[in-house]
mmCIF file of all heavy atoms, coordinates in Angstrom:
data_MODEL
# 
_entry.id   MODEL 
# 
loop_
_atom_site.group_PDB 
_atom_site.id 
_atom_site.type_symbol 
_atom_site.label_atom_id 
_atom_site.label_alt_id 
_atom_site.label_comp_id 
_atom_site.label_asym_id 
_atom_site.label_entity_id 
_atom_site.label_seq_id 
_atom_site.pdbx_PDB_ins_code 
_atom_site.Cartn_x 
_atom_site.Cartn_y 
_atom_site.Cartn_z 
_atom_site.occupancy 
_atom_site.B_iso_or_equiv 
_atom_site.pdbx_formal_charge 
_atom_site.auth_seq_id 
_atom_site.auth_comp_id 
_atom_site.auth_asym_id 
_atom_site.auth_atom_id 
_atom_site.pdbx_PDB_model_num 
ATOM 1   N N   . PRO A 1 1  ? 104.608 -28.571 -55.603 1.00 0.00 ? 1  PRO A N   1 
ATOM 2   C CA  . PRO A 1 1  ? 105.013 -27.341 -54.921 1.00 0.00 ? 1  PRO A CA  1 
ATOM 3   C C   . PRO A 1 1  ? 105.274 -26.233 -55.948 1.00 0.00 ? 1  PRO A C   1 
ATOM 4   O O   . PRO A 1 1  ? 105.672 -26.501 -57.082 1.00 0.00 ? 1  PRO A O   1 
ATOM 5   C CB  . PRO A 1 1  ? 106.332 -27.730 -54.236 1.00 0.00 ? 1  PRO A CB  1 
ATOM 6   C CG  . PRO A 1 1  ? 106.384 -29.221 -54.251 1.00 0.00 ? 1  PRO A CG  1 
ATOM 7   C CD  . PRO A 1 1  ? 105.609 -29.641 -55.453 1.00 0.00 ? 1  PRO A CD  1 
ATOM 8   N N   . GLY A 1 2  ? 105.041 -25.021 -55.560 1.00 0.00 ? 2  GLY A N   1 
ATOM 9   C CA  . GLY A 1 2  ? 105.462 -23.875 -56.364 1.00 0.00 ? 2  GLY A CA  1 
ATOM 10  C C   . GLY A 1 2  ? 104.630 -23.565 -57.591 1.00 0.00 ? 2  GLY A C   1 
ATOM 11  O O   . GLY A 1 2  ? 105.044 -22.739 -58.409 1.00 0.00 ? 2  GLY A O   1 
ATOM 12  N N   . ILE A 1 3  ? 103.462 -24.187 -57.761 1.00 0.00 ? 3  ILE A N   1 
ATOM 13  C CA  . ILE A 1 3  ? 102.638 -23.793 -58.898 1.00 0.00 ? 3  ILE A CA  1 
ATOM 14  C C   . ILE A 1 3  ? 101.914 -22.493 -58.544 1.00 0.00 ? 3  ILE A C   1 
ATOM 15  O O   . ILE A 1 3  ? 101.707 -22.174 -57.377 1.00 0.00 ? 3  ILE A O   1 
ATOM 16  C CB  . ILE A 1 3  ? 101.624 -24.889 -59.306 1.00 0.00 ? 3  ILE A CB  1 
ATOM 17  C CG1 . ILE A 1 3  ? 100.667 -25.251 -58.155 1.00 0.00 ? 3  ILE A CG1 1 
ATOM 18  C CG2 . ILE A 1 3  ? 102.353 -26.137 -59.771 1.00 0.00 ? 3  ILE A CG2 1 
ATOM 19  C CD1 . ILE A 1 3  ? 99.576  -26.237 -58.546 1.00 0.00 ? 3  ILE A CD1 1 
ATOM 20  N N   . THR A 1 4  ? 101.539 -21.737 -59.557 1.00 0.00 ? 4  THR A N   1 
ATOM 21  C CA  . THR A 1 4  ? 100.906 -20.437 -59.331 1.00 0.00 ? 4  THR A CA  1 
ATOM 22  C C   . THR A 1 4  ? 99.447  -20.614 -58.923 1.00 0.00 ? 4  THR A C   1 
ATOM 23  O O   . THR A 1 4  ? 98.855  -21.682 -59.154 1.00 0.00 ? 4  THR A O   1 
ATOM 24  C CB  . THR A 1 4  ? 100.964 -19.581 -60.602 1.00 0.00 ? 4  THR A CB  1 
ATOM 25  O OG1 . THR A 1 4  ? 100.110 -20.178 -61.597 1.00 0.00 ? 4  THR A OG1 1 
ATOM 26  C CG2 . THR A 1 4  ? 102.382 -19.487 -61.150 1.00 0.00 ? 4  THR A CG2 1 
ATOM 27  N N   . PRO A 1 5  ? 98.843  -19.591 -58.343 1.00 0.00 ? 5  PRO A N   1 
ATOM 28  C CA  . PRO A 1 5  ? 97.413  -19.672 -58.000 1.00 0.00 ? 5  PRO A CA  1 
ATOM 29  C C   . PRO A 1 5  ? 96.538  -20.013 -59.210 1.00 0.00 ? 5  PRO A C   1 
ATOM 30  O O   . PRO A 1 5  ? 95.574  -20.781 -59.084 1.00 0.00 ? 5  PRO A O   1 
ATOM 31  C CB  . PRO A 1 5  ? 97.102  -18.278 -57.457 1.00 0.00 ? 5  PRO A CB  1 
ATOM 32  C CG  . PRO A 1 5  ? 98.405  -17.808 -56.874 1.00 0.00 ? 5  PRO A CG  1 
ATOM 33  C CD  . PRO A 1 5  ? 99.444  -18.345 -57.809 1.00 0.00 ? 5  PRO A CD  1 
ATOM 34  N N   . ASP A 1 6  ? 96.855  -19.451 -60.385 1.00 0.00 ? 6  ASP A N   1 
ATOM 35  C CA  . ASP A 1 6  ? 96.070  -19.751 -61.583 1.00 0.00 ? 6  ASP A CA  1 
ATOM 36  C C   . ASP A 1 6  ? 96.257  -21.204 -62.011 1.00 0.00 ? 6  ASP A C   1 
ATOM 37  O O   . ASP A 1 6  ? 95.309  -21.855 -62.473 1.00 0.00 ? 6  ASP A O   1 
ATOM 38  C CB  . ASP A 1 6  ? 96.457  -18.813 -62.728 1.00 0.00 ? 6  ASP A CB  1 
ATOM 39  C CG  . ASP A 1 6  ? 95.825  -17.439 -62.591 1.00 0.00 ? 6  ASP A CG  1 
ATOM 40  O OD1 . ASP A 1 6  ? 94.866  -17.306 -61.801 1.00 0.00 ? 6  ASP A OD1 1 
ATOM 41  O OD2 . ASP A 1 6  ? 96.300  -16.503 -63.260 1.00 0.00 ? 6  ASP A OD2 1 
ATOM 42  N N   . GLN A 1 7  ? 97.473  -21.712 -61.878 1.00 0.00 ? 7  GLN A N   1 
ATOM 43  C CA  . GLN A 1 7  ? 97.717  -23.111 -62.222 1.00 0.00 ? 7  GLN A CA  1 
ATOM 44  C C   . GLN A 1 7  ? 96.997  -24.042 -61.254 1.00 0.00 ? 7  GLN A C   1 
ATOM 45  O O   . GLN A 1 7  ? 96.441  -25.062 -61.655 1.00 0.00 ? 7  GLN A O   1 
ATOM 46  C CB  . GLN A 1 7  ? 99.225  -23.393 -62.221 1.00 0.00 ? 7  GLN A CB  1 
ATOM 47  C CG  . GLN A 1 7  ? 99.951  -22.756 -63.390 1.00 0.00 ? 7  GLN A CG  1 
ATOM 48  C CD  . GLN A 1 7  ? 101.460 -22.823 -63.241 1.00 0.00 ? 7  GLN A CD  1 
ATOM 49  O OE1 . GLN A 1 7  ? 101.996 -23.009 -62.143 1.00 0.00 ? 7  GLN A OE1 1 
ATOM 50  N NE2 . GLN A 1 7  ? 102.170 -22.648 -64.351 1.00 0.00 ? 7  GLN A NE2 1 
ATOM 51  N N   . ARG A 1 8  ? 96.986  -23.679 -59.984 1.00 0.00 ? 8  ARG A N   1 
ATOM 52  C CA  . ARG A 1 8  ? 96.234  -24.462 -58.992 1.00 0.00 ? 8  ARG A CA  1 
ATOM 53  C C   . ARG A 1 8  ? 94.744  -24.451 -59.335 1.00 0.00 ? 8  ARG A C   1 
ATOM 54  O O   . ARG A 1 8  ? 94.085  -25.494 -59.277 1.00 0.00 ? 8  ARG A O   1 
ATOM 55  C CB  . ARG A 1 8  ? 96.455  -23.894 -57.595 1.00 0.00 ? 8  ARG A CB  1 
ATOM 56  C CG  . ARG A 1 8  ? 95.630  -24.612 -56.533 1.00 0.00 ? 8  ARG A CG  1 
ATOM 57  C CD  . ARG A 1 8  ? 95.730  -23.952 -55.165 1.00 0.00 ? 8  ARG A CD  1 
ATOM 58  N NE  . ARG A 1 8  ? 94.885  -24.640 -54.185 1.00 0.00 ? 8  ARG A NE  1 
ATOM 59  C CZ  . ARG A 1 8  ? 94.733  -24.275 -52.922 1.00 0.00 ? 8  ARG A CZ  1 
ATOM 60  N NH1 . ARG A 1 8  ? 95.382  -23.221 -52.465 1.00 0.00 ? 8  ARG A NH1 1 
ATOM 61  N NH2 . ARG A 1 8  ? 93.941  -24.950 -52.121 1.00 0.00 ? 8  ARG A NH2 1 
ATOM 62  N N   . LYS A 1 9  ? 94.230  -23.294 -59.686 1.00 0.00 ? 9  LYS A N   1 
ATOM 63  C CA  . LYS A 1 9  ? 92.811  -23.181 -60.036 1.00 0.00 ? 9  LYS A CA  1 
ATOM 64  C C   . LYS A 1 9  ? 92.474  -24.044 -61.247 1.00 0.00 ? 9  LYS A C   1 
ATOM 65  O O   . LYS A 1 9  ? 91.449  -24.737 -61.279 1.00 0.00 ? 9  LYS A O   1 
ATOM 66  C CB  . LYS A 1 9  ? 92.471  -21.718 -60.311 1.00 0.00 ? 9  LYS A CB  1 
ATOM 67  C CG  . LYS A 1 9  ? 90.998  -21.459 -60.590 1.00 0.00 ? 9  LYS A CG  1 
ATOM 68  C CD  . LYS A 1 9  ? 90.738  -19.972 -60.778 1.00 0.00 ? 9  LYS A CD  1 
ATOM 69  C CE  . LYS A 1 9  ? 89.261  -19.714 -61.065 1.00 0.00 ? 9  LYS A CE  1 
ATOM 70  N NZ  . LYS A 1 9  ? 88.990  -18.265 -61.272 1.00 0.00 ? 9  LYS A NZ  1 
ATOM 71  N N   . ALA A 1 10 ? 93.356  -24.024 -62.243 1.00 0.00 ? 10 ALA A N   1 
ATOM 72  C CA  . ALA A 1 10 ? 93.116  -24.813 -63.456 1.00 0.00 ? 10 ALA A CA  1 
ATOM 73  C C   . ALA A 1 10 ? 93.175  -26.307 -63.159 1.00 0.00 ? 10 ALA A C   1 
ATOM 74  O O   . ALA A 1 10 ? 92.344  -27.085 -63.645 1.00 0.00 ? 10 ALA A O   1 
ATOM 75  C CB  . ALA A 1 10 ? 94.139  -24.444 -64.522 1.00 0.00 ? 10 ALA A CB  1 
ATOM 76  N N   . LEU A 1 11 ? 94.147  -26.721 -62.353 1.00 0.00 ? 11 LEU A N   1 
ATOM 77  C CA  . LEU A 1 11 ? 94.275  -28.137 -62.009 1.00 0.00 ? 11 LEU A CA  1 
ATOM 78  C C   . LEU A 1 11 ? 93.064  -28.595 -61.185 1.00 0.00 ? 11 LEU A C   1 
ATOM 79  O O   . LEU A 1 11 ? 92.543  -29.697 -61.382 1.00 0.00 ? 11 LEU A O   1 
ATOM 80  C CB  . LEU A 1 11 ? 95.575  -28.357 -61.228 1.00 0.00 ? 11 LEU A CB  1 
ATOM 81  C CG  . LEU A 1 11 ? 96.092  -29.787 -61.085 1.00 0.00 ? 11 LEU A CG  1 
ATOM 82  C CD1 . LEU A 1 11 ? 96.239  -30.474 -62.438 1.00 0.00 ? 11 LEU A CD1 1 
ATOM 83  C CD2 . LEU A 1 11 ? 97.427  -29.801 -60.343 1.00 0.00 ? 11 LEU A CD2 1 
ATOM 84  N N   . THR A 1 12 ? 92.614  -27.737 -60.281 1.00 0.00 ? 12 THR A N   1 
ATOM 85  C CA  . THR A 1 12 ? 91.423  -28.053 -59.490 1.00 0.00 ? 12 THR A CA  1 
ATOM 86  C C   . THR A 1 12 ? 90.207  -28.216 -60.393 1.00 0.00 ? 12 THR A C   1 
ATOM 87  O O   . THR A 1 12 ? 89.402  -29.148 -60.218 1.00 0.00 ? 12 THR A O   1 
ATOM 88  C CB  . THR A 1 12 ? 91.161  -26.947 -58.448 1.00 0.00 ? 12 THR A CB  1 
ATOM 89  O OG1 . THR A 1 12 ? 92.294  -26.824 -57.583 1.00 0.00 ? 12 THR A OG1 1 
ATOM 90  C CG2 . THR A 1 12 ? 89.923  -27.271 -57.614 1.00 0.00 ? 12 THR A CG2 1 
ATOM 91  N N   . SER A 1 13 ? 90.071  -27.332 -61.380 1.00 0.00 ? 13 SER A N   1 
ATOM 92  C CA  . SER A 1 13 ? 88.945  -27.422 -62.320 1.00 0.00 ? 13 SER A CA  1 
ATOM 93  C C   . SER A 1 13 ? 88.963  -28.728 -63.090 1.00 0.00 ? 13 SER A C   1 
ATOM 94  O O   . SER A 1 13 ? 87.917  -29.341 -63.346 1.00 0.00 ? 13 SER A O   1 
ATOM 95  C CB  . SER A 1 13 ? 88.977  -26.240 -63.299 1.00 0.00 ? 13 SER A CB  1 
ATOM 96  O OG  . SER A 1 13 ? 88.752  -25.024 -62.625 1.00 0.00 ? 13 SER A OG  1 
ATOM 97  N N   . MET A 1 14 ? 90.159  -29.191 -63.446 1.00 0.00 ? 14 MET A N   1 
ATOM 98  C CA  . MET A 1 14 ? 90.278  -30.460 -64.155 1.00 0.00 ? 14 MET A CA  1 
ATOM 99  C C   . MET A 1 14 ? 89.827  -31.619 -63.267 1.00 0.00 ? 14 MET A C   1 
ATOM 100 O O   . MET A 1 14 ? 89.095  -32.522 -63.719 1.00 0.00 ? 14 MET A O   1 
ATOM 101 C CB  . MET A 1 14 ? 91.721  -30.668 -64.616 1.00 0.00 ? 14 MET A CB  1 
ATOM 102 C CG  . MET A 1 14 ? 92.184  -29.661 -65.658 1.00 0.00 ? 14 MET A CG  1 
ATOM 103 S SD  . MET A 1 14 ? 93.960  -29.814 -66.024 1.00 0.00 ? 14 MET A SD  1 
ATOM 104 C CE  . MET A 1 14 ? 93.972  -31.332 -66.951 1.00 0.00 ? 14 MET A CE  1 
ATOM 105 N N   . VAL A 1 15 ? 90.259  -31.608 -62.005 1.00 0.00 ? 15 VAL A N   1 
ATOM 106 C CA  . VAL A 1 15 ? 89.880  -32.677 -61.081 1.00 0.00 ? 15 VAL A CA  1 
ATOM 107 C C   . VAL A 1 15 ? 88.373  -32.657 -60.835 1.00 0.00 ? 15 VAL A C   1 
ATOM 108 O O   . VAL A 1 15 ? 87.717  -33.711 -60.814 1.00 0.00 ? 15 VAL A O   1 
ATOM 109 C CB  . VAL A 1 15 ? 90.669  -32.550 -59.760 1.00 0.00 ? 15 VAL A CB  1 
ATOM 110 C CG1 . VAL A 1 15 ? 90.101  -33.500 -58.696 1.00 0.00 ? 15 VAL A CG1 1 
ATOM 111 C CG2 . VAL A 1 15 ? 92.150  -32.845 -59.985 1.00 0.00 ? 15 VAL A CG2 1 
ATOM 112 N N   . LEU A 1 16 ? 87.801  -31.474 -60.660 1.00 0.00 ? 16 LEU A N   1 
ATOM 113 C CA  . LEU A 1 16 ? 86.357  -31.369 -60.445 1.00 0.00 ? 16 LEU A CA  1 
ATOM 114 C C   . LEU A 1 16 ? 85.588  -31.876 -61.661 1.00 0.00 ? 16 LEU A C   1 
ATOM 115 O O   . LEU A 1 16 ? 84.542  -32.526 -61.530 1.00 0.00 ? 16 LEU A O   1 
ATOM 116 C CB  . LEU A 1 16 ? 85.971  -29.921 -60.134 1.00 0.00 ? 16 LEU A CB  1 
ATOM 117 C CG  . LEU A 1 16 ? 86.531  -29.343 -58.824 1.00 0.00 ? 16 LEU A CG  1 
ATOM 118 C CD1 . LEU A 1 16 ? 86.030  -27.913 -58.626 1.00 0.00 ? 16 LEU A CD1 1 
ATOM 119 C CD2 . LEU A 1 16 ? 86.149  -30.205 -57.630 1.00 0.00 ? 16 LEU A CD2 1 
ATOM 120 N N   . ALA A 1 17 ? 86.107  -31.587 -62.841 1.00 0.00 ? 17 ALA A N   1 
ATOM 121 C CA  . ALA A 1 17 ? 85.464  -32.092 -64.060 1.00 0.00 ? 17 ALA A CA  1 
ATOM 122 C C   . ALA A 1 17 ? 85.510  -33.613 -64.097 1.00 0.00 ? 17 ALA A C   1 
ATOM 123 O O   . ALA A 1 17 ? 84.546  -34.275 -64.506 1.00 0.00 ? 17 ALA A O   1 
ATOM 124 C CB  . ALA A 1 17 ? 86.152  -31.516 -65.297 1.00 0.00 ? 17 ALA A CB  1 
ATOM 125 N N   . ALA A 1 18 ? 86.621  -34.178 -63.658 1.00 0.00 ? 18 ALA A N   1 
ATOM 126 C CA  . ALA A 1 18 ? 86.768  -35.636 -63.650 1.00 0.00 ? 18 ALA A CA  1 
ATOM 127 C C   . ALA A 1 18 ? 85.735  -36.296 -62.736 1.00 0.00 ? 18 ALA A C   1 
ATOM 128 O O   . ALA A 1 18 ? 85.229  -37.379 -63.028 1.00 0.00 ? 18 ALA A O   1 
ATOM 129 C CB  . ALA A 1 18 ? 88.178  -36.016 -63.209 1.00 0.00 ? 18 ALA A CB  1 
ATOM 130 N N   . THR A 1 19 ? 85.410  -35.634 -61.623 1.00 0.00 ? 19 THR A N   1 
ATOM 131 C CA  . THR A 1 19 ? 84.445  -36.229 -60.689 1.00 0.00 ? 19 THR A CA  1 
ATOM 132 C C   . THR A 1 19 ? 83.019  -36.219 -61.236 1.00 0.00 ? 19 THR A C   1 
ATOM 133 O O   . THR A 1 19 ? 82.135  -36.842 -60.644 1.00 0.00 ? 19 THR A O   1 
ATOM 134 C CB  . THR A 1 19 ? 84.458  -35.501 -59.327 1.00 0.00 ? 19 THR A CB  1 
ATOM 135 O OG1 . THR A 1 19 ? 84.025  -34.138 -59.498 1.00 0.00 ? 19 THR A OG1 1 
ATOM 136 C CG2 . THR A 1 19 ? 85.851  -35.529 -58.712 1.00 0.00 ? 19 THR A CG2 1 
ATOM 137 N N   . LYS A 1 20 ? 82.805  -35.531 -62.343 1.00 0.00 ? 20 LYS A N   1 
ATOM 138 C CA  . LYS A 1 20 ? 81.488  -35.529 -62.996 1.00 0.00 ? 20 LYS A CA  1 
ATOM 139 C C   . LYS A 1 20 ? 81.425  -36.515 -64.167 1.00 0.00 ? 20 LYS A C   1 
ATOM 140 O O   . LYS A 1 20 ? 80.388  -36.661 -64.805 1.00 0.00 ? 20 LYS A O   1 
ATOM 141 C CB  . LYS A 1 20 ? 81.147  -34.120 -63.491 1.00 0.00 ? 20 LYS A CB  1 
ATOM 142 C CG  . LYS A 1 20 ? 81.025  -33.083 -62.382 1.00 0.00 ? 20 LYS A CG  1 
ATOM 143 C CD  . LYS A 1 20 ? 80.734  -31.704 -62.959 1.00 0.00 ? 20 LYS A CD  1 
ATOM 144 C CE  . LYS A 1 20 ? 80.523  -30.662 -61.853 1.00 0.00 ? 20 LYS A CE  1 
ATOM 145 N NZ  . LYS A 1 20 ? 81.730  -30.435 -61.048 1.00 0.00 ? 20 LYS A NZ  1 
ATOM 146 N N   . ALA A 1 21 ? 82.554  -37.168 -64.446 1.00 0.00 ? 21 ALA A N   1 
ATOM 147 C CA  . ALA A 1 21 ? 82.625  -38.083 -65.581 1.00 0.00 ? 21 ALA A CA  1 
ATOM 148 C C   . ALA A 1 21 ? 81.998  -39.441 -65.244 1.00 0.00 ? 21 ALA A C   1 
ATOM 149 O O   . ALA A 1 21 ? 82.043  -39.886 -64.089 1.00 0.00 ? 21 ALA A O   1 
ATOM 150 C CB  . ALA A 1 21 ? 84.076  -38.283 -66.000 1.00 0.00 ? 21 ALA A CB  1 
ATOM 151 N N   . PRO A 1 22 ? 81.424  -40.127 -66.235 1.00 0.00 ? 22 PRO A N   1 
ATOM 152 C CA  . PRO A 1 22 ? 80.838  -41.452 -66.001 1.00 0.00 ? 22 PRO A CA  1 
ATOM 153 C C   . PRO A 1 22 ? 81.828  -42.449 -65.391 1.00 0.00 ? 22 PRO A C   1 
ATOM 154 O O   . PRO A 1 22 ? 81.447  -43.274 -64.557 1.00 0.00 ? 22 PRO A O   1 
ATOM 155 C CB  . PRO A 1 22 ? 80.404  -41.887 -67.402 1.00 0.00 ? 22 PRO A CB  1 
ATOM 156 C CG  . PRO A 1 22 ? 80.137  -40.605 -68.130 1.00 0.00 ? 22 PRO A CG  1 
ATOM 157 C CD  . PRO A 1 22 ? 81.174  -39.644 -67.612 1.00 0.00 ? 22 PRO A CD  1 
ATOM 158 N N   . ALA A 1 23 ? 83.096  -42.361 -65.808 1.00 0.00 ? 23 ALA A N   1 
ATOM 159 C CA  . ALA A 1 23 ? 84.095  -43.296 -65.281 1.00 0.00 ? 23 ALA A CA  1 
ATOM 160 C C   . ALA A 1 23 ? 84.265  -43.155 -63.775 1.00 0.00 ? 23 ALA A C   1 
ATOM 161 O O   . ALA A 1 23 ? 84.508  -44.140 -63.064 1.00 0.00 ? 23 ALA A O   1 
ATOM 162 C CB  . ALA A 1 23 ? 85.442  -43.079 -65.980 1.00 0.00 ? 23 ALA A CB  1 
ATOM 163 N N   . TRP A 1 24 ? 84.142  -41.927 -63.261 1.00 0.00 ? 24 TRP A N   1 
ATOM 164 C CA  . TRP A 1 24 ? 84.275  -41.705 -61.817 1.00 0.00 ? 24 TRP A CA  1 
ATOM 165 C C   . TRP A 1 24 ? 83.066  -42.272 -61.084 1.00 0.00 ? 24 TRP A C   1 
ATOM 166 O O   . TRP A 1 24 ? 83.205  -42.910 -60.035 1.00 0.00 ? 24 TRP A O   1 
ATOM 167 C CB  . TRP A 1 24 ? 84.445  -40.222 -61.524 1.00 0.00 ? 24 TRP A CB  1 
ATOM 168 C CG  . TRP A 1 24 ? 84.699  -39.931 -60.071 1.00 0.00 ? 24 TRP A CG  1 
ATOM 169 C CD1 . TRP A 1 24 ? 83.863  -39.313 -59.193 1.00 0.00 ? 24 TRP A CD1 1 
ATOM 170 C CD2 . TRP A 1 24 ? 85.884  -40.264 -59.318 1.00 0.00 ? 24 TRP A CD2 1 
ATOM 171 N NE1 . TRP A 1 24 ? 84.436  -39.241 -57.941 1.00 0.00 ? 24 TRP A NE1 1 
ATOM 172 C CE2 . TRP A 1 24 ? 85.678  -39.810 -57.994 1.00 0.00 ? 24 TRP A CE2 1 
ATOM 173 C CE3 . TRP A 1 24 ? 87.082  -40.900 -59.644 1.00 0.00 ? 24 TRP A CE3 1 
ATOM 174 C CZ2 . TRP A 1 24 ? 86.635  -39.978 -56.995 1.00 0.00 ? 24 TRP A CZ2 1 
ATOM 175 C CZ3 . TRP A 1 24 ? 88.035  -41.077 -58.644 1.00 0.00 ? 24 TRP A CZ3 1 
ATOM 176 C CH2 . TRP A 1 24 ? 87.805  -40.618 -57.335 1.00 0.00 ? 24 TRP A CH2 1 
# 
């Protein structure tokens, strides 16, 4: 809760990057 829009965007980018990883 309470993270900024930019922090949400950055966290989303990290998760999206993870879904492109071989481990995923």
